[in-house]
C-alpha atoms as a PDB file:
ATOM      1  CA  MET A   1     120.386 -59.728-160.034  1.00  0.00           C
ATOM      2  CA  LYS A   2     117.835 -57.532-158.315  1.00  0.00           C
ATOM      3  CA  ILE A   3     117.765 -57.132-154.505  1.00  0.00           C
ATOM      4  CA  ILE A   4     114.405 -56.238-152.927  1.00  0.00           C
ATOM      5  CA  GLU A   5     114.235 -55.104-149.297  1.00  0.00           C
ATOM      6  CA  CYS A   6     111.457 -56.555-147.150  1.00  0.00           C
ATOM      7  CA  ASP A   7     109.176 -54.729-144.741  1.00  0.00           C
ATOM      8  CA  ILE A   8     111.480 -55.687-141.851  1.00  0.00           C
ATOM      9  CA  GLN A   9     115.218 -55.078-141.736  1.00  0.00           C
ATOM     10  CA  GLY A  10     117.493 -58.009-142.657  1.00  0.00           C
ATOM     11  CA  PRO A  11     115.724 -60.482-144.958  1.00  0.00           C
ATOM     12  CA  LEU A  12     115.995 -59.818-148.696  1.00  0.00           C
ATOM     13  CA  ILE A  13     114.219 -61.064-151.799  1.00  0.00           C
ATOM     14  CA  ILE A  14     116.641 -61.800-154.623  1.00  0.00           C
ATOM     15  CA  GLU A  15     115.526 -61.965-158.240  1.00  0.00           C
ATOM     16  CA  PRO A  16     118.204 -63.542-160.420  1.00  0.00           C
ATOM     17  CA  LYS A  17     118.725 -62.557-164.032  1.00  0.00           C
ATOM     18  CA  VAL A  18     117.100 -65.389-165.977  1.00  0.00           C
ATOM     19  CA  PHE A  19     118.035 -66.225-169.552  1.00  0.00           C
ATOM     20  CA  GLY A  20     115.375 -68.208-171.355  1.00  0.00           C
ATOM     21  CA  ASP A  21     114.146 -69.276-174.756  1.00  0.00           C
ATOM     22  CA  GLU A  22     112.066 -72.077-176.260  1.00  0.00           C
ATOM     23  CA  ARG A  23     114.618 -74.640-174.979  1.00  0.00           C
ATOM     24  CA  GLY A  24     114.281 -73.645-171.313  1.00  0.00           C
ATOM     25  CA  PHE A  25     116.172 -71.267-169.021  1.00  0.00           C
ATOM     26  CA  PHE A  26     119.461 -70.613-167.228  1.00  0.00           C
ATOM     27  CA  PHE A  27     120.287 -68.512-164.177  1.00  0.00           C
ATOM     28  CA  GLU A  28     123.028 -68.316-161.573  1.00  0.00           C
ATOM     29  CA  SER A  29     121.548 -69.259-158.208  1.00  0.00           C
ATOM     30  CA  TRP A  30     124.855 -68.532-156.471  1.00  0.00           C
ATOM     31  CA  ASN A  31     127.842 -66.470-157.572  1.00  0.00           C
ATOM     32  CA  SER A  32     130.008 -65.252-154.700  1.00  0.00           C
ATOM     33  CA  ALA A  33     131.378 -62.269-156.657  1.00  0.00           C
ATOM     34  CA  ALA A  34     127.905 -61.066-157.692  1.00  0.00           C
ATOM     35  CA  PHE A  35     126.504 -61.463-154.169  1.00  0.00           C
ATOM     36  CA  THR A  36     129.522 -59.693-152.633  1.00  0.00           C
ATOM     37  CA  ALA A  37     129.112 -56.835-155.120  1.00  0.00           C
ATOM     38  CA  ALA A  38     125.467 -56.589-153.970  1.00  0.00           C
ATOM     39  CA  GLY A  39     126.604 -56.278-150.331  1.00  0.00           C
ATOM     40  CA  LEU A  40     126.110 -59.926-149.351  1.00  0.00           C
ATOM     41  CA  ASP A  41     129.577 -61.272-148.573  1.00  0.00           C
ATOM     42  CA  LEU A  42     128.494 -64.767-147.519  1.00  0.00           C
ATOM     43  CA  THR A  43     130.244 -68.048-146.876  1.00  0.00           C
ATOM     44  CA  PHE A  44     128.142 -71.189-147.030  1.00  0.00           C
ATOM     45  CA  VAL A  45     129.107 -74.470-145.359  1.00  0.00           C
ATOM     46  CA  GLN A  46     126.086 -76.685-146.026  1.00  0.00           C
ATOM     47  CA  ASP A  47     123.446 -77.190-148.737  1.00  0.00           C
ATOM     48  CA  ASN A  48     120.082 -78.830-147.967  1.00  0.00           C
ATOM     49  CA  HIS A  49     117.226 -80.122-150.119  1.00  0.00           C
ATOM     50  CA  SER A  50     113.755 -81.099-148.927  1.00  0.00           C
ATOM     51  CA  ARG A  51     110.702 -82.365-150.795  1.00  0.00           C
ATOM     52  CA  SER A  52     107.236 -81.912-149.346  1.00  0.00           C
ATOM     53  CA  GLN A  53     103.620 -82.433-150.273  1.00  0.00           C
ATOM     54  CA  LYS A  54     101.121 -79.566-150.330  1.00  0.00           C
ATOM     55  CA  GLY A  55     100.241 -78.294-146.865  1.00  0.00           C
ATOM     56  CA  VAL A  56     103.467 -79.280-145.093  1.00  0.00           C
ATOM     57  CA  LEU A  57     104.538 -76.524-142.720  1.00  0.00           C
ATOM     58  CA  ARG A  58     108.185 -76.654-141.631  1.00  0.00           C
ATOM     59  CA  GLY A  59     109.253 -74.172-138.989  1.00  0.00           C
ATOM     60  CA  MET A  60     109.789 -71.795-137.382  1.00  0.00           C
ATOM     61  CA  HIS A  61     113.359 -73.030-136.860  1.00  0.00           C
ATOM     62  CA  PHE A  62     116.505 -71.350-135.569  1.00  0.00           C
ATOM     63  CA  GLN A  63     119.730 -72.201-133.761  1.00  0.00           C
ATOM     64  CA  ASN A  64     120.849 -70.234-130.716  1.00  0.00           C
ATOM     65  CA  PRO A  65     123.795 -70.225-130.255  1.00  0.00           C
ATOM     66  CA  HIS A  66     125.421 -71.065-133.630  1.00  0.00           C
ATOM     67  CA  PRO A  67     122.808 -69.276-135.771  1.00  0.00           C
ATOM     68  CA  GLN A  68     122.453 -70.042-139.451  1.00  0.00           C
ATOM     69  CA  GLY A  69     121.903 -67.581-142.266  1.00  0.00           C
ATOM     70  CA  LYS A  70     119.950 -69.234-145.094  1.00  0.00           C
ATOM     71  CA  LEU A  71     119.666 -68.512-148.793  1.00  0.00           C
ATOM     72  CA  VAL A  72     116.543 -70.382-149.886  1.00  0.00           C
ATOM     73  CA  ARG A  73     114.782 -71.105-153.175  1.00  0.00           C
ATOM     74  CA  VAL A  74     112.319 -73.502-154.774  1.00  0.00           C
ATOM     75  CA  ALA A  75     113.355 -75.728-157.695  1.00  0.00           C
ATOM     76  CA  ARG A  76     109.921 -77.348-158.143  1.00  0.00           C
ATOM     77  CA  GLY A  77     106.536 -76.287-156.795  1.00  0.00           C
ATOM     78  CA  ALA A  78     105.871 -73.322-154.513  1.00  0.00           C
ATOM     79  CA  VAL A  79     106.078 -72.245-150.867  1.00  0.00           C
ATOM     80  CA  TYR A  80     105.105 -69.355-148.662  1.00  0.00           C
ATOM     81  CA  ASP A  81     108.392 -68.600-146.909  1.00  0.00           C
ATOM     82  CA  VAL A  82     108.565 -66.682-143.622  1.00  0.00           C
ATOM     83  CA  ALA A  83     111.265 -65.092-141.440  1.00  0.00           C
ATOM     84  CA  VAL A  84     110.682 -63.790-137.898  1.00  0.00           C
ATOM     85  CA  ASP A  85     113.137 -61.340-136.321  1.00  0.00           C
ATOM     86  CA  LEU A  86     114.438 -62.746-133.010  1.00  0.00           C
ATOM     87  CA  ARG A  87     117.122 -60.093-132.448  1.00  0.00           C
ATOM     88  CA  ARG A  88     116.198 -58.426-129.139  1.00  0.00           C
ATOM     89  CA  SER A  89     118.090 -55.230-130.122  1.00  0.00           C
ATOM     90  CA  SER A  90     116.241 -54.907-133.433  1.00  0.00           C
ATOM     91  CA  ARG A  91     113.452 -52.401-133.977  1.00  0.00           C
ATOM     92  CA  ASP A  92     111.656 -55.290-135.725  1.00  0.00           C
ATOM     93  CA  PHE A  93     111.943 -57.820-132.875  1.00  0.00           C
ATOM     94  CA  GLY A  94     109.017 -60.264-133.080  1.00  0.00           C
ATOM     95  CA  LYS A  95     107.909 -59.049-136.505  1.00  0.00           C
ATOM     96  CA  TRP A  96     107.696 -61.275-139.562  1.00  0.00           C
ATOM     97  CA  THR A  97     107.903 -61.041-143.333  1.00  0.00           C
ATOM     98  CA  GLY A  98     106.803 -63.540-145.944  1.00  0.00           C
ATOM     99  CA  VAL A  99     107.227 -64.168-149.658  1.00  0.00           C
ATOM    100  CA  VAL A 100     106.017 -66.692-152.218  1.00  0.00           C
ATOM    101  CA  LEU A 101     108.930 -68.600-153.732  1.00  0.00           C
ATOM    102  CA  SER A 102     108.256 -70.846-156.697  1.00  0.00           C
ATOM    103  CA  ALA A 103     109.896 -72.684-159.553  1.00  0.00           C
ATOM    104  CA  GLU A 104     108.030 -70.272-161.801  1.00  0.00           C
ATOM    105  CA  ASN A 105     109.159 -66.946-160.238  1.00  0.00           C
ATOM    106  CA  LYS A 106     112.709 -68.226-159.461  1.00  0.00           C
ATOM    107  CA  ARG A 107     112.999 -65.804-156.530  1.00  0.00           C
ATOM    108  CA  MET A 108     115.416 -66.472-153.684  1.00  0.00           C
ATOM    109  CA  PHE A 109     115.071 -65.329-150.086  1.00  0.00           C
ATOM    110  CA  TRP A 110     117.965 -64.365-147.815  1.00  0.00           C
ATOM    111  CA  VAL A 111     117.198 -65.079-144.142  1.00  0.00           C
ATOM    112  CA  PRO A 112     120.056 -63.701-142.002  1.00  0.00           C
ATOM    113  CA  GLU A 113     121.318 -65.054-138.703  1.00  0.00           C
ATOM    114  CA  GLY A 114     119.065 -64.062-135.812  1.00  0.00           C
ATOM    115  CA  PHE A 115     115.793 -65.023-137.495  1.00  0.00           C
ATOM    116  CA  ALA A 116     113.430 -67.958-137.149  1.00  0.00           C
ATOM    117  CA  HIS A 117     112.622 -69.459-140.546  1.00  0.00           C
ATOM    118  CA  GLY A 118     109.856 -71.640-141.910  1.00  0.00           C
ATOM    119  CA  PHE A 119     107.700 -72.342-144.933  1.00  0.00           C
ATOM    120  CA  LEU A 120     104.352 -73.746-146.031  1.00  0.00           C
ATOM    121  CA  THR A 121     104.252 -75.788-149.238  1.00  0.00           C
ATOM    122  CA  LEU A 122     101.604 -74.617-151.675  1.00  0.00           C
ATOM    123  CA  GLU A 123     101.960 -77.464-154.209  1.00  0.00           C
ATOM    124  CA  ASP A 124     102.623 -81.196-154.102  1.00  0.00           C
ATOM    125  CA  ASP A 125     106.186 -82.438-154.631  1.00  0.00           C
ATOM    126  CA  THR A 126     107.764 -79.083-153.818  1.00  0.00           C
ATOM    127  CA  ASP A 127     111.574 -79.162-153.837  1.00  0.00           C
ATOM    128  CA  PHE A 128     113.030 -76.594-151.430  1.00  0.00           C
ATOM    129  CA  LEU A 129     116.771 -75.829-151.547  1.00  0.00           C
ATOM    130  CA  TYR A 130     118.799 -73.850-149.059  1.00  0.00           C
ATOM    131  CA  LYS A 131     122.391 -72.882-148.418  1.00  0.00           C
ATOM    132  CA  CYS A 132     123.466 -72.345-144.787  1.00  0.00           C
ATOM    133  CA  THR A 133     126.213 -70.197-143.276  1.00  0.00           C
ATOM    134  CA  ALA A 134     126.670 -72.572-140.313  1.00  0.00           C
ATOM    135  CA  HIS A 135     126.409 -76.322-139.878  1.00  0.00           C
ATOM    136  CA  TYR A 136     123.279 -77.884-138.446  1.00  0.00           C
ATOM    137  CA  ALA A 137     123.733 -78.241-134.675  1.00  0.00           C
ATOM    138  CA  PRO A 138     120.723 -80.146-133.290  1.00  0.00           C
ATOM    139  CA  GLN A 139     121.733 -79.457-129.681  1.00  0.00           C
ATOM    140  CA  PHE A 140     121.147 -75.722-130.327  1.00  0.00           C
ATOM    141  CA  GLU A 141     118.038 -76.017-132.474  1.00  0.00           C
ATOM    142  CA  SER A 142     114.851 -74.390-131.302  1.00  0.00           C
ATOM    143  CA  CYS A 143     111.413 -73.817-132.740  1.00  0.00           C
ATOM    144  CA  LEU A 144     109.171 -70.774-132.489  1.00  0.00           C
ATOM    145  CA  ALA A 145     105.494 -71.733-132.673  1.00  0.00           C
ATOM    146  CA  TRP A 146     104.282 -71.278-136.240  1.00  0.00           C
ATOM    147  CA  ASP A 147     100.955 -69.961-134.925  1.00  0.00           C
ATOM    148  CA  ASP A 148     102.154 -67.793-132.033  1.00  0.00           C
ATOM    149  CA  ARG A 149      99.584 -65.009-131.576  1.00  0.00           C
ATOM    150  CA  ALA A 150     102.205 -62.493-130.446  1.00  0.00           C
ATOM    151  CA  VAL A 151     103.919 -62.833-133.840  1.00  0.00           C
ATOM    152  CA  GLY A 152     100.728 -63.227-135.885  1.00  0.00           C
ATOM    153  CA  ILE A 153     102.037 -64.784-139.097  1.00  0.00           C
ATOM    154  CA  GLU A 154      99.344 -64.662-141.762  1.00  0.00           C
ATOM    155  CA  TRP A 155      99.820 -68.045-143.426  1.00  0.00           C
ATOM    156  CA  PRO A 156      97.865 -68.615-146.684  1.00  0.00           C
ATOM    157  CA  LEU A 157      95.874 -71.533-145.248  1.00  0.00           C
ATOM    158  CA  ASP A 158      92.700 -71.301-147.343  1.00  0.00           C
ATOM    159  CA  GLY A 159      91.601 -74.926-147.647  1.00  0.00           C
ATOM    160  CA  ILE A 160      94.849 -76.183-146.081  1.00  0.00           C
ATOM    161  CA  THR A 161      95.234 -77.947-142.739  1.00  0.00           C
ATOM    162  CA  PRO A 162      98.973 -77.697-142.055  1.00  0.00           C
ATOM    163  CA  LYS A 163     100.906 -80.945-141.692  1.00  0.00           C
ATOM    164  CA  LEU A 164     103.470 -80.525-138.896  1.00  0.00           C
ATOM    165  CA  SER A 165     106.327 -82.604-137.529  1.00  0.00           C
ATOM    166  CA  ALA A 166     106.138 -83.548-133.855  1.00  0.00           C
ATOM    167  CA  LYS A 167     108.728 -80.888-132.944  1.00  0.00           C
ATOM    168  CA  ASP A 168     107.002 -78.167-134.985  1.00  0.00           C
ATOM    169  CA  ALA A 169     103.670 -78.958-133.305  1.00  0.00           C
ATOM    170  CA  VAL A 170     105.125 -77.949-129.906  1.00  0.00           C
ATOM    171  CA  GLY A 171     107.037 -74.783-130.837  1.00  0.00           C
ATOM    172  CA  LEU A 172     107.659 -72.154-128.188  1.00  0.00           C
ATOM    173  CA  SER A 173     105.886 -68.816-127.906  1.00  0.00           C
ATOM    174  CA  LEU A 174     107.856 -65.630-128.557  1.00  0.00           C
ATOM    175  CA  ASP A 175     108.130 -64.937-124.815  1.00  0.00           C
ATOM    176  CA  GLN A 176     109.573 -68.450-124.248  1.00  0.00           C
ATOM    177  CA  VAL A 177     112.371 -68.416-126.853  1.00  0.00           C
ATOM    178  CA  THR A 178     115.880 -67.254-126.050  1.00  0.00           C
ATOM    179  CA  PRO A 179     116.331 -64.225-128.326  1.00  0.00           C
ATOM    180  CA  PHE A 180     119.515 -63.143-130.016  1.00  0.00           C
ATOM    181  CA  PRO A 181     121.271 -60.001-128.717  1.00  0.00           C
END
């Protein structure tokens, strides 16, 4: 497993060791001993799976209090996955990082607690999988606006009009969210 640091502190790109031949492939998407040895001693309490058509934009979600760390990957299709630092004490507060995750590249993305998270599907029938360190708590859920100018996420929207849920269409600006310490 290869760990790649992002341009902001916290999120990580994880490239698993993939074994493949003419029959297909195999890789470990989660092995607690291997992740702990890599400095990621994580406990997950919930697994989620979503399927979306091309152009669906989900995010930028977070829970405060009761934040969730998320280990995300794509089993089919592709997404542009984004994390925004909402930790007020961080040197990277309000900054974002993004990565393409796909069934083809088999990359995973670690989004720690204290970050807003979202993704844009780049292909139809994209299956997005994620493990969470805390249970979903809708009473603490919040949404940072996906297009907040203060954050300035550069979504790959060429030829795509994003399809948003009602709650994602009314996300808060960075100066309206309650940041983490």
